[in-house]
């Protein structure tokens, strides 16, 4: 009986994996910062200012989420 053993390397090193994770974490933190900043800025507006923009208070979280993460 014959056995075949193959070892394949994916070509991705541990350093590449760690660097990729770091890039993803940095991007996630940047998106979260955009969300938080947008949410704070919209919440700071008066009802009149929001009305001028055509935005109601209950839309603020959705608008901040869309600004940071897209639709």
PDB file of N, CA and C in Angstrom:
ATOM      1  N   UNK A   1       0.840  -1.161   0.000  1.00  0.00           N
ATOM      2  CA  UNK A   1       0.000   0.000   0.000  1.00  0.00           C
ATOM      3  C   UNK A   1       0.894   1.235   0.000  1.00  0.00           C
ATOM      4  N   UNK A   2       0.533   2.215  -0.803  1.00  0.00           N
ATOM      5  CA  UNK A   2       1.338   3.421  -0.918  1.00  0.00           C
ATOM      6  C   UNK A   2       0.643   4.581  -0.206  1.00  0.00           C
ATOM      7  N   UNK A   3       1.440   5.426   0.372  1.00  0.00           N
ATOM      8  CA  UNK A   3       0.936   6.619   1.053  1.00  0.00           C
ATOM      9  C   UNK A   3       1.544   7.845   0.396  1.00  0.00           C
ATOM     10  N   UNK A   4       0.713   8.864   0.267  1.00  0.00           N
ATOM     11  CA  UNK A   4       1.195  10.117  -0.285  1.00  0.00           C
ATOM     12  C   UNK A   4       1.011  11.190   0.778  1.00  0.00           C
ATOM     13  N   UNK A   5       2.094  11.860   1.067  1.00  0.00           N
ATOM     14  CA  UNK A   5       2.046  12.922   2.062  1.00  0.00           C
ATOM     15  C   UNK A   5       2.433  14.215   1.366  1.00  0.00           C
ATOM     16  N   UNK A   6       1.573  15.184   1.476  1.00  0.00           N
ATOM     17  CA  UNK A   6       1.887  16.484   0.888  1.00  0.00           C
ATOM     18  C   UNK A   6       1.766  17.545   1.974  1.00  0.00           C
ATOM     19  N   UNK A   7       2.676  18.429   1.962  1.00  0.00           N
ATOM     20  CA  UNK A   7       2.646  19.575   2.868  1.00  0.00           C
ATOM     21  C   UNK A   7       2.616  20.828   2.014  1.00  0.00           C
ATOM     22  N   UNK A   8       1.569  21.571   2.153  1.00  0.00           N
ATOM     23  CA  UNK A   8       1.459  22.811   1.382  1.00  0.00           C
ATOM     24  C   UNK A   8       1.598  23.992   2.319  1.00  0.00           C
ATOM     25  N   UNK A   9       2.333  24.938   1.874  1.00  0.00           N
ATOM     26  CA  UNK A   9       2.457  26.181   2.623  1.00  0.00           C
ATOM     27  C   UNK A   9       1.582  27.213   1.941  1.00  0.00           C
ATOM     28  N   UNK A  10       0.858  27.922   2.723  1.00  0.00           N
ATOM     29  CA  UNK A  10      -0.052  28.904   2.151  1.00  0.00           C
ATOM     30  C   UNK A  10       0.673  30.164   1.709  1.00  0.00           C
ATOM     31  N   UNK A  11       1.906  30.319   2.116  1.00  0.00           N
ATOM     32  CA  UNK A  11       2.656  31.510   1.739  1.00  0.00           C
ATOM     33  C   UNK A  11       2.395  32.688   2.655  1.00  0.00           C
ATOM     34  N   UNK A  12       1.581  32.492   3.677  1.00  0.00           N
ATOM     35  CA  UNK A  12       1.288  33.562   4.622  1.00  0.00           C
ATOM     36  C   UNK A  12       2.042  33.278   5.907  1.00  0.00           C
ATOM     37  N   UNK A  13       2.919  34.177   6.253  1.00  0.00           N
ATOM     38  CA  UNK A  13       3.701  33.989   7.466  1.00  0.00           C
ATOM     39  C   UNK A  13       2.943  34.532   8.671  1.00  0.00           C
ATOM     40  N   UNK A  14       3.420  34.212   9.827  1.00  0.00           N
ATOM     41  CA  UNK A  14       2.815  34.707  11.054  1.00  0.00           C
ATOM     42  C   UNK A  14       2.904  36.227  11.111  1.00  0.00           C
ATOM     43  N   UNK A  15       4.007  36.769  10.651  1.00  0.00           N
ATOM     44  CA  UNK A  15       4.173  38.225  10.639  1.00  0.00           C
ATOM     45  C   UNK A  15       3.134  38.878   9.725  1.00  0.00           C
ATOM     46  N   UNK A  16       2.859  38.262   8.566  1.00  0.00           N
ATOM     47  CA  UNK A  16       1.849  38.785   7.663  1.00  0.00           C
ATOM     48  C   UNK A  16       0.466  38.736   8.308  1.00  0.00           C
ATOM     49  N   UNK A  17       0.192  37.647   8.997  1.00  0.00           N
ATOM     50  CA  UNK A  17      -1.091  37.492   9.671  1.00  0.00           C
ATOM     51  C   UNK A  17      -1.278  38.550  10.758  1.00  0.00           C
ATOM     52  N   UNK A  18      -0.252  38.759  11.565  1.00  0.00           N
ATOM     53  CA  UNK A  18      -0.317  39.766  12.626  1.00  0.00           C
ATOM     54  C   UNK A  18      -0.462  41.162  12.027  1.00  0.00           C
ATOM     55  N   UNK A  19       0.270  41.439  10.964  1.00  0.00           N
ATOM     56  CA  UNK A  19       0.171  42.748  10.313  1.00  0.00           C
ATOM     57  C   UNK A  19      -1.228  42.968   9.747  1.00  0.00           C
ATOM     58  N   UNK A  20      -1.814  41.928   9.172  1.00  0.00           N
ATOM     59  CA  UNK A  20      -3.163  42.026   8.626  1.00  0.00           C
ATOM     60  C   UNK A  20      -4.183  42.288   9.735  1.00  0.00           C
ATOM     61  N   UNK A  21      -4.026  41.615  10.849  1.00  0.00           N
ATOM     62  CA  UNK A  21      -4.918  41.851  11.988  1.00  0.00           C
ATOM     63  C   UNK A  21      -4.774  43.282  12.487  1.00  0.00           C
ATOM     64  N   UNK A  22      -3.549  43.774  12.567  1.00  0.00           N
ATOM     65  CA  UNK A  22      -3.308  45.144  13.021  1.00  0.00           C
ATOM     66  C   UNK A  22      -3.964  46.158  12.090  1.00  0.00           C
ATOM     67  N   UNK A  23      -3.874  45.924  10.797  1.00  0.00           N
ATOM     68  CA  UNK A  23      -4.505  46.824   9.826  1.00  0.00           C
ATOM     69  C   UNK A  23      -6.024  46.813   9.991  1.00  0.00           C
ATOM     70  N   UNK A  24      -6.592  45.624  10.179  1.00  0.00           N
ATOM     71  CA  UNK A  24      -8.041  45.518  10.352  1.00  0.00           C
ATOM     72  C   UNK A  24      -8.511  46.186  11.635  1.00  0.00           C
ATOM     73  N   UNK A  25      -7.760  46.023  12.708  1.00  0.00           N
ATOM     74  CA  UNK A  25      -8.121  46.660  13.982  1.00  0.00           C
ATOM     75  C   UNK A  25      -8.029  48.175  13.856  1.00  0.00           C
ATOM     76  N   UNK A  26      -6.986  48.655  13.206  1.00  0.00           N
ATOM     77  CA  UNK A  26      -6.820  50.104  13.016  1.00  0.00           C
ATOM     78  C   UNK A  26      -7.976  50.677  12.200  1.00  0.00           C
ATOM     79  N   UNK A  27      -8.391  49.973  11.154  1.00  0.00           N
ATOM     80  CA  UNK A  27      -9.519  50.431  10.330  1.00  0.00           C
ATOM     81  C   UNK A  27     -10.818  50.415  11.127  1.00  0.00           C
ATOM     82  N   UNK A  28     -11.006  49.395  11.942  1.00  0.00           N
ATOM     83  CA  UNK A  28     -12.223  49.315  12.763  1.00  0.00           C
ATOM     84  C   UNK A  28     -12.264  50.447  13.782  1.00  0.00           C
ATOM     85  N   UNK A  29     -11.127  50.753  14.386  1.00  0.00           N
ATOM     86  CA  UNK A  29     -11.073  51.863  15.343  1.00  0.00           C
ATOM     87  C   UNK A  29     -11.338  53.198  14.665  1.00  0.00           C
ATOM     88  N   UNK A  30     -10.847  53.370  13.449  1.00  0.00           N
ATOM     89  CA  UNK A  30     -11.095  54.606  12.707  1.00  0.00           C
ATOM     90  C   UNK A  30     -12.576  54.749  12.377  1.00  0.00           C
ATOM     91  N   UNK A  31     -13.215  53.638  11.965  1.00  0.00           N
ATOM     92  CA  UNK A  31     -14.660  53.689  11.681  1.00  0.00           C
ATOM     93  C   UNK A  31     -15.454  53.994  12.942  1.00  0.00           C
ATOM     94  N   UNK A  32     -15.054  53.409  14.058  1.00  0.00           N
ATOM     95  CA  UNK A  32     -15.741  53.663  15.329  1.00  0.00           C
ATOM     96  C   UNK A  32     -15.582  55.123  15.741  1.00  0.00           C
ATOM     97  N   UNK A  33     -14.415  55.697  15.502  1.00  0.00           N
ATOM     98  CA  UNK A  33     -14.191  57.104  15.829  1.00  0.00           C
ATOM     99  C   UNK A  33     -15.087  58.004  14.985  1.00  0.00           C
ATOM    100  N   UNK A  34     -15.244  57.674  13.709  1.00  0.00           N
ATOM    101  CA  UNK A  34     -16.138  58.447  12.841  1.00  0.00           C
ATOM    102  C   UNK A  34     -17.561  58.350  13.343  1.00  0.00           C
ATOM    103  N   UNK A  35     -17.988  57.139  13.723  1.00  0.00           N
ATOM    104  CA  UNK A  35     -19.337  56.949  14.252  1.00  0.00           C
ATOM    105  C   UNK A  35     -19.549  57.790  15.508  1.00  0.00           C
ATOM    106  N   UNK A  36     -18.615  57.708  16.439  1.00  0.00           N
ATOM    107  CA  UNK A  36     -18.749  58.430  17.707  1.00  0.00           C
ATOM    108  C   UNK A  36     -18.755  59.934  17.501  1.00  0.00           C
ATOM    109  N   UNK A  37     -17.878  60.414  16.642  1.00  0.00           N
ATOM    110  CA  UNK A  37     -17.799  61.853  16.390  1.00  0.00           C
ATOM    111  C   UNK A  37     -19.071  62.360  15.710  1.00  0.00           C
ATOM    112  N   UNK A  38     -19.549  61.622  14.719  1.00  0.00           N
ATOM    113  CA  UNK A  38     -20.777  62.017  14.017  1.00  0.00           C
ATOM    114  C   UNK A  38     -21.962  62.010  14.966  1.00  0.00           C
ATOM    115  N   UNK A  39     -22.066  60.980  15.781  1.00  0.00           N
ATOM    116  CA  UNK A  39     -23.151  60.874  16.749  1.00  0.00           C
ATOM    117  C   UNK A  39     -23.118  62.044  17.724  1.00  0.00           C
ATOM    118  N   UNK A  40     -21.949  62.368  18.243  1.00  0.00           N
ATOM    119  CA  UNK A  40     -21.818  63.478  19.190  1.00  0.00           C
ATOM    120  C   UNK A  40     -22.167  64.816  18.539  1.00  0.00           C
ATOM    121  N   UNK A  41     -21.693  65.024  17.318  1.00  0.00           N
ATOM    122  CA  UNK A  41     -21.969  66.293  16.639  1.00  0.00           C
ATOM    123  C   UNK A  41     -23.450  66.458  16.338  1.00  0.00           C
ATOM    124  N   UNK A  42     -24.112  65.396  15.887  1.00  0.00           N
ATOM    125  CA  UNK A  42     -25.534  65.494  15.591  1.00  0.00           C
ATOM    126  C   UNK A  42     -26.362  65.644  16.863  1.00  0.00           C
ATOM    127  N   UNK A  43     -25.970  64.961  17.926  1.00  0.00           N
ATOM    128  CA  UNK A  43     -26.694  65.105  19.196  1.00  0.00           C
ATOM    129  C   UNK A  43     -26.535  66.495  19.795  1.00  0.00           C
ATOM    130  N   UNK A  44     -25.436  67.179  19.462  1.00  0.00           N
ATOM    131  CA  UNK A  44     -25.193  68.516  19.993  1.00  0.00           C
ATOM    132  C   UNK A  44     -26.052  69.577  19.301  1.00  0.00           C
ATOM    133  N   UNK A  45     -26.605  69.255  18.138  1.00  0.00           N
ATOM    134  CA  UNK A  45     -27.426  70.216  17.412  1.00  0.00           C
ATOM    135  C   UNK A  45     -28.782  70.389  18.081  1.00  0.00           C
ATOM    136  N   UNK A  46     -29.324  71.577  17.937  1.00  0.00           N
ATOM    137  CA  UNK A  46     -30.664  71.836  18.467  1.00  0.00           C
ATOM    138  C   UNK A  46     -31.696  71.199  17.542  1.00  0.00           C
ATOM    139  N   UNK A  47     -32.911  71.067  18.043  1.00  0.00           N
ATOM    140  CA  UNK A  47     -33.987  70.525  17.215  1.00  0.00           C
ATOM    141  C   UNK A  47     -34.216  71.384  15.977  1.00  0.00           C
ATOM    142  N   UNK A  48     -34.053  72.681  16.141  1.00  0.00           N
ATOM    143  CA  UNK A  48     -34.239  73.586  15.000  1.00  0.00           C
ATOM    144  C   UNK A  48     -33.162  73.345  13.938  1.00  0.00           C
ATOM    145  N   UNK A  49     -31.912  73.194  14.379  1.00  0.00           N
ATOM    146  CA  UNK A  49     -30.825  72.932  13.426  1.00  0.00           C
ATOM    147  C   UNK A  49     -31.040  71.595  12.704  1.00  0.00           C
ATOM    148  N   UNK A  50     -31.462  70.598  13.458  1.00  0.00           N
ATOM    149  CA  UNK A  50     -31.738  69.302  12.840  1.00  0.00           C
ATOM    150  C   UNK A  50     -32.881  69.413  11.841  1.00  0.00           C
ATOM    151  N   UNK A  51     -33.882  70.186  12.198  1.00  0.00           N
ATOM    152  CA  UNK A  51     -35.014  70.381  11.291  1.00  0.00           C
ATOM    153  C   UNK A  51     -34.563  71.058  10.003  1.00  0.00           C
ATOM    154  N   UNK A  52     -33.664  72.028  10.133  1.00  0.00           N
ATOM    155  CA  UNK A  52     -33.127  72.691   8.937  1.00  0.00           C
ATOM    156  C   UNK A  52     -32.396  71.703   8.031  1.00  0.00           C
ATOM    157  N   UNK A  53     -31.788  70.688   8.624  1.00  0.00           N
ATOM    158  CA  UNK A  53     -31.078  69.664   7.851  1.00  0.00           C
ATOM    159  C   UNK A  53     -32.006  68.560   7.353  1.00  0.00           C
ATOM    160  N   UNK A  54     -33.242  68.586   7.847  1.00  0.00           N
ATOM    161  CA  UNK A  54     -34.194  67.550   7.448  1.00  0.00           C
ATOM    162  C   UNK A  54     -33.972  66.244   8.185  1.00  0.00           C
ATOM    163  N   UNK A  55     -33.481  66.344   9.412  1.00  0.00           N
ATOM    164  CA  UNK A  55     -33.158  65.168  10.215  1.00  0.00           C
ATOM    165  C   UNK A  55     -33.940  65.238  11.517  1.00  0.00           C
ATOM    166  N   UNK A  56     -34.515  64.101  11.908  1.00  0.00           N
ATOM    167  CA  UNK A  56     -35.170  64.055  13.214  1.00  0.00           C
ATOM    168  C   UNK A  56     -34.250  63.333  14.197  1.00  0.00           C
ATOM    169  N   UNK A  57     -34.504  63.528  15.478  1.00  0.00           N
ATOM    170  CA  UNK A  57     -33.639  62.950  16.511  1.00  0.00           C
ATOM    171  C   UNK A  57     -33.534  61.428  16.416  1.00  0.00           C
ATOM    172  N   UNK A  58     -34.606  60.764  16.049  1.00  0.00           N
ATOM    173  CA  UNK A  58     -34.546  59.303  16.006  1.00  0.00           C
ATOM    174  C   UNK A  58     -33.722  58.774  14.833  1.00  0.00           C
ATOM    175  N   UNK A  59     -33.344  59.633  13.909  1.00  0.00           N
ATOM    176  CA  UNK A  59     -32.519  59.222  12.760  1.00  0.00           C
ATOM    177  C   UNK A  59     -31.022  59.365  13.025  1.00  0.00           C
ATOM    178  N   UNK A  60     -30.661  60.006  14.111  1.00  0.00           N
ATOM    179  CA  UNK A  60     -29.254  60.344  14.358  1.00  0.00           C
ATOM    180  C   UNK A  60     -28.362  59.101  14.391  1.00  0.00           C
ATOM    181  N   UNK A  61     -28.742  58.092  15.137  1.00  0.00           N
ATOM    182  CA  UNK A  61     -27.896  56.887  15.233  1.00  0.00           C
ATOM    183  C   UNK A  61     -27.741  56.215  13.868  1.00  0.00           C
ATOM    184  N   UNK A  62     -28.828  56.176  13.101  1.00  0.00           N
ATOM    185  CA  UNK A  62     -28.754  55.562  11.772  1.00  0.00           C
ATOM    186  C   UNK A  62     -27.833  56.357  10.845  1.00  0.00           C
ATOM    187  N   UNK A  63     -27.913  57.671  10.915  1.00  0.00           N
ATOM    188  CA  UNK A  63     -27.064  58.514  10.074  1.00  0.00           C
ATOM    189  C   UNK A  63     -25.588  58.363  10.460  1.00  0.00           C
ATOM    190  N   UNK A  64     -25.319  58.304  11.749  1.00  0.00           N
ATOM    191  CA  UNK A  64     -23.938  58.133  12.198  1.00  0.00           C
ATOM    192  C   UNK A  64     -23.403  56.769  11.766  1.00  0.00           C
ATOM    193  N   UNK A  65     -24.235  55.743  11.869  1.00  0.00           N
ATOM    194  CA  UNK A  65     -23.824  54.394  11.458  1.00  0.00           C
ATOM    195  C   UNK A  65     -23.539  54.365   9.956  1.00  0.00           C
ATOM    196  N   UNK A  66     -24.401  55.006   9.196  1.00  0.00           N
ATOM    197  CA  UNK A  66     -24.210  55.030   7.737  1.00  0.00           C
ATOM    198  C   UNK A  66     -22.936  55.807   7.375  1.00  0.00           C
ATOM    199  N   UNK A  67     -22.671  56.898   8.097  1.00  0.00           N
ATOM    200  CA  UNK A  67     -21.463  57.684   7.822  1.00  0.00           C
ATOM    201  C   UNK A  67     -20.201  56.872   8.087  1.00  0.00           C
ATOM    202  N   UNK A  68     -20.239  56.047   9.108  1.00  0.00           N
ATOM    203  CA  UNK A  68     -19.041  55.298   9.487  1.00  0.00           C
ATOM    204  C   UNK A  68     -18.894  53.973   8.745  1.00  0.00           C
ATOM    205  N   UNK A  69     -19.991  53.264   8.577  1.00  0.00           N
ATOM    206  CA  UNK A  69     -19.924  51.903   8.059  1.00  0.00           C
ATOM    207  C   UNK A  69     -20.561  51.717   6.694  1.00  0.00           C
ATOM    208  N   UNK A  70     -21.197  52.745   6.172  1.00  0.00           N
ATOM    209  CA  UNK A  70     -21.909  52.615   4.896  1.00  0.00           C
ATOM    210  C   UNK A  70     -23.256  51.986   5.110  1.00  0.00           C
ATOM    211  N   UNK A  71     -23.951  51.755   4.007  1.00  0.00           N
ATOM    212  CA  UNK A  71     -25.305  51.197   4.114  1.00  0.00           C
ATOM    213  C   UNK A  71     -25.287  49.731   4.365  1.00  0.00           C
TER     214      UNK A  71
END
